[in-house]
N, C-alpha and C. Protein backbone atom coordinates (compact mmCIF):
# COMPACT_ATOMS: atom_id res chain seq x y z
N MET A 1 -16.45 -46.61 15.11
CA MET A 1 -16.09 -46.74 13.29
C MET A 1 -17.25 -46.67 12.36
N ARG A 2 -18.24 -46.46 12.68
CA ARG A 2 -19.87 -46.12 11.96
C ARG A 2 -19.59 -45.08 11.18
N VAL A 3 -19.00 -43.54 12.09
CA VAL A 3 -19.11 -42.24 11.47
C VAL A 3 -17.83 -42.43 10.19
N PRO A 4 -16.19 -42.54 10.96
CA PRO A 4 -15.20 -42.64 9.95
C PRO A 4 -15.48 -43.48 8.80
N THR A 5 -16.22 -44.77 9.18
CA THR A 5 -15.85 -45.74 7.40
C THR A 5 -16.83 -44.81 6.39
N LEU A 6 -18.52 -44.39 7.10
CA LEU A 6 -19.07 -43.72 6.48
C LEU A 6 -18.87 -42.36 5.75
N ALA A 7 -17.91 -42.09 6.46
CA ALA A 7 -16.98 -40.28 6.03
C ALA A 7 -16.22 -40.70 4.42
N ILE A 8 -15.36 -42.11 4.68
CA ILE A 8 -14.50 -42.71 3.93
C ILE A 8 -15.17 -42.36 2.59
N ILE A 9 -16.26 -44.01 2.94
CA ILE A 9 -16.87 -44.31 1.78
C ILE A 9 -17.59 -43.27 0.96
N PHE A 10 -18.51 -42.21 1.69
CA PHE A 10 -19.04 -41.29 1.02
C PHE A 10 -17.69 -39.80 0.25
N LEU A 11 -17.22 -39.72 0.39
CA LEU A 11 -15.75 -38.72 0.17
C LEU A 11 -15.02 -40.01 -0.94
N SER A 12 -14.89 -41.52 -0.73
CA SER A 12 -14.47 -41.22 -1.88
C SER A 12 -14.90 -41.40 -3.00
N TRP A 13 -16.41 -42.43 -2.87
CA TRP A 13 -17.11 -42.31 -4.24
C TRP A 13 -17.66 -41.32 -4.70
N PHE A 14 -17.55 -40.23 -4.01
CA PHE A 14 -18.65 -38.98 -4.43
C PHE A 14 -17.46 -37.67 -4.26
N GLY A 15 -16.78 -37.99 -4.23
CA GLY A 15 -15.66 -36.78 -4.44
C GLY A 15 -14.40 -37.38 -4.73
N PHE A 16 -13.64 -37.88 -4.35
CA PHE A 16 -12.10 -38.13 -4.38
C PHE A 16 -12.17 -39.01 -6.21
N VAL A 17 -12.91 -40.55 -6.10
CA VAL A 17 -13.03 -41.09 -7.55
C VAL A 17 -13.22 -40.28 -8.57
N PRO A 18 -15.11 -38.99 -8.83
CA PRO A 18 -15.35 -38.56 -9.27
C PRO A 18 -14.14 -36.99 -10.04
N PHE A 19 -13.54 -36.78 -9.20
CA PHE A 19 -12.81 -35.64 -9.15
C PHE A 19 -11.30 -35.93 -9.73
N THR A 20 -11.05 -37.09 -9.32
CA THR A 20 -9.56 -37.72 -10.06
C THR A 20 -10.09 -37.42 -11.38
N HIS A 21 -10.98 -38.11 -11.67
CA HIS A 21 -11.40 -38.68 -13.23
C HIS A 21 -11.28 -37.42 -13.87
N MET A 22 -12.05 -36.26 -13.28
CA MET A 22 -12.29 -35.02 -13.84
C MET A 22 -10.82 -34.44 -14.78
N PHE A 23 -9.75 -34.13 -13.17
CA PHE A 23 -8.93 -33.30 -13.36
C PHE A 23 -7.86 -34.25 -13.82
N THR A 24 -7.67 -35.74 -14.48
CA THR A 24 -6.44 -36.22 -14.73
C THR A 24 -6.89 -36.67 -16.37
N PHE A 25 -8.53 -36.53 -17.27
CA PHE A 25 -8.01 -37.61 -17.94
C PHE A 25 -8.30 -35.79 -19.04
N ALA A 26 -7.81 -35.63 -19.98
CA ALA A 26 -8.04 -34.40 -21.35
C ALA A 26 -9.49 -34.97 -21.96
N PRO A 27 -10.12 -33.60 -22.00
CA PRO A 27 -11.55 -34.12 -23.16
C PRO A 27 -11.53 -35.16 -24.04
N GLY A 28 -12.44 -36.17 -23.70
CA GLY A 28 -12.96 -37.16 -24.87
C GLY A 28 -12.02 -38.25 -24.49
N GLN A 29 -10.84 -38.32 -23.18
CA GLN A 29 -9.93 -39.56 -23.09
C GLN A 29 -10.86 -40.34 -21.95
N GLY A 30 -11.89 -39.97 -21.12
CA GLY A 30 -12.20 -40.35 -19.68
C GLY A 30 -13.09 -41.93 -19.62
N TRP A 31 -13.16 -42.50 -19.20
CA TRP A 31 -14.26 -43.51 -19.32
C TRP A 31 -15.92 -43.08 -18.93
N VAL A 32 -15.59 -42.07 -18.79
CA VAL A 32 -17.25 -40.95 -18.62
C VAL A 32 -17.53 -39.76 -19.86
N ASP A 33 -18.33 -40.05 -20.05
CA ASP A 33 -18.56 -38.44 -20.66
C ASP A 33 -19.24 -37.37 -20.33
N PHE A 34 -20.13 -38.08 -19.28
CA PHE A 34 -20.75 -36.94 -18.64
C PHE A 34 -20.22 -35.81 -17.28
N LEU A 35 -18.83 -35.69 -17.23
CA LEU A 35 -18.46 -35.15 -16.57
C LEU A 35 -17.48 -34.86 -17.13
N PRO A 36 -17.00 -33.40 -16.74
CA PRO A 36 -16.03 -32.23 -17.72
C PRO A 36 -14.67 -33.03 -16.81
N GLN A 37 -13.99 -32.79 -18.51
CA GLN A 37 -12.29 -33.54 -17.92
C GLN A 37 -11.58 -32.16 -18.56
N TYR A 38 -10.53 -31.75 -17.00
CA TYR A 38 -9.48 -30.77 -17.41
C TYR A 38 -8.48 -31.16 -17.84
N GLY A 39 -7.98 -32.49 -18.13
CA GLY A 39 -6.64 -32.67 -18.55
C GLY A 39 -5.70 -33.06 -17.89
N TYR A 40 -5.45 -32.33 -16.76
CA TYR A 40 -4.05 -32.01 -15.54
C TYR A 40 -2.95 -33.15 -15.43
N GLY A 41 -3.28 -34.41 -16.02
CA GLY A 41 -2.97 -35.49 -16.05
C GLY A 41 -2.50 -36.10 -14.11
N ALA A 42 -1.21 -36.88 -14.03
CA ALA A 42 -0.48 -36.99 -12.97
C ALA A 42 -1.18 -35.92 -11.71
N ILE A 43 -0.35 -34.65 -12.44
CA ILE A 43 -0.87 -33.42 -11.75
C ILE A 43 -1.86 -33.23 -10.78
N GLY A 44 -2.75 -33.29 -11.86
CA GLY A 44 -4.18 -33.14 -11.82
C GLY A 44 -4.72 -34.63 -10.25
N GLY A 45 -4.58 -35.80 -10.54
CA GLY A 45 -4.80 -37.00 -9.40
C GLY A 45 -4.23 -36.33 -8.17
N TRP A 46 -2.66 -36.31 -8.17
CA TRP A 46 -2.34 -35.89 -7.12
C TRP A 46 -2.51 -35.00 -6.18
N ALA A 47 -3.29 -33.61 -7.38
CA ALA A 47 -3.83 -32.83 -6.38
C ALA A 47 -5.15 -32.84 -5.85
N VAL A 48 -5.90 -33.41 -6.19
CA VAL A 48 -7.37 -34.08 -5.47
C VAL A 48 -6.61 -34.96 -4.49
N ALA A 49 -6.13 -35.82 -4.95
CA ALA A 49 -5.61 -36.73 -3.50
C ALA A 49 -5.04 -35.72 -2.49
N LEU A 50 -4.93 -35.04 -2.55
CA LEU A 50 -3.72 -34.24 -1.86
C LEU A 50 -5.05 -33.24 -0.78
N VAL A 51 -5.83 -33.06 -1.61
CA VAL A 51 -7.46 -32.17 -0.74
C VAL A 51 -8.06 -33.21 -0.33
N TYR A 52 -8.26 -34.42 -1.40
CA TYR A 52 -9.17 -35.68 -0.28
C TYR A 52 -8.61 -35.70 1.23
N CYS A 53 -7.08 -35.91 1.16
CA CYS A 53 -6.43 -36.24 2.50
C CYS A 53 -6.98 -35.11 3.41
N CYS A 54 -6.51 -34.02 3.49
CA CYS A 54 -7.14 -33.24 3.86
C CYS A 54 -8.42 -33.17 4.23
N ILE A 55 -9.05 -33.11 3.59
CA ILE A 55 -10.46 -33.01 3.88
C ILE A 55 -10.80 -34.23 4.74
N LEU A 56 -10.42 -35.36 4.53
CA LEU A 56 -10.87 -36.61 5.04
C LEU A 56 -10.17 -36.53 6.65
N GLY A 57 -9.26 -35.72 6.41
CA GLY A 57 -8.19 -36.11 8.15
C GLY A 57 -9.06 -34.58 9.04
N SER A 58 -9.36 -33.31 7.92
CA SER A 58 -10.56 -32.45 8.96
C SER A 58 -11.34 -32.68 9.94
N LEU A 59 -12.09 -33.91 8.54
CA LEU A 59 -13.32 -34.63 9.31
C LEU A 59 -13.49 -35.81 10.40
N LEU A 60 -12.12 -36.51 10.18
CA LEU A 60 -12.17 -37.46 11.81
C LEU A 60 -11.33 -36.48 12.51
N TRP A 61 -10.80 -35.24 12.87
CA TRP A 61 -10.12 -35.25 13.81
C TRP A 61 -11.46 -34.12 14.09
N LEU A 62 -12.88 -33.25 13.65
CA LEU A 62 -13.49 -32.90 14.39
C LEU A 62 -14.78 -33.82 15.15
N ARG A 63 -14.87 -35.30 14.63
CA ARG A 63 -15.66 -35.92 15.13
C ARG A 63 -14.57 -36.47 16.73
N TRP A 64 -13.29 -36.52 16.47
CA TRP A 64 -12.66 -36.88 17.44
C TRP A 64 -12.65 -35.42 18.52
N ARG A 65 -12.43 -34.62 18.03
CA ARG A 65 -13.24 -33.24 19.04
C ARG A 65 -13.62 -33.27 19.40
N SER A 66 -14.86 -33.41 18.91
CA SER A 66 -15.98 -33.27 19.18
C SER A 66 -16.46 -33.92 21.04
N GLY A 67 -15.57 -35.51 21.08
CA GLY A 67 -15.50 -36.62 21.80
C GLY A 67 -17.48 -37.00 21.75
N ALA A 68 -17.80 -37.25 21.00
CA ALA A 68 -18.70 -38.14 20.48
C ALA A 68 -18.32 -39.63 20.78
N TRP A 69 -16.81 -39.77 20.17
CA TRP A 69 -17.07 -40.94 20.33
C TRP A 69 -16.60 -42.02 21.81
N ARG A 70 -16.54 -40.78 22.65
CA ARG A 70 -16.08 -41.36 23.99
C ARG A 70 -17.84 -41.81 24.89
N LYS A 71 -18.86 -41.87 23.77
CA LYS A 71 -20.49 -41.76 24.77
C LYS A 71 -20.60 -43.36 24.16
N ILE A 72 -20.28 -43.64 23.29
CA ILE A 72 -19.79 -45.34 22.69
C ILE A 72 -20.14 -46.06 23.26
N ASN A 73 -21.65 -46.92 23.63
CA ASN A 73 -21.33 -48.23 24.74
C ASN A 73 -20.95 -49.01 23.52
N LEU A 74 -19.79 -49.69 24.38
CA LEU A 74 -19.14 -51.01 24.22
C LEU A 74 -20.10 -52.34 25.26
N ARG A 75 -20.58 -53.17 24.45
CA ARG A 75 -20.71 -54.40 25.65
C ARG A 75 -20.54 -55.39 25.52
C-alpha cells in the first residue's frame, strides 16, 4: 500500500490541487497569486479531475502490471 498511497498523495498535492486552482479561477480571483490563472471555471476543474484520474489509474495499472506487489513479504 506504500507505493499507491505515495502516488495518490504526490499527485494530489503537487498535481491536482495546483492545476485545479490554475484552471478554475480567473486572474485575480484565486487564493494564491504565484500560480497563473486561466479562468475556465467548473469546466477547468472537471478537466483537471479527468486528467488526474487517468494519470493515477495509469500509474496504479503499471504498478499492478509490473508484479512488484507480489514480492511483498507479509508477516
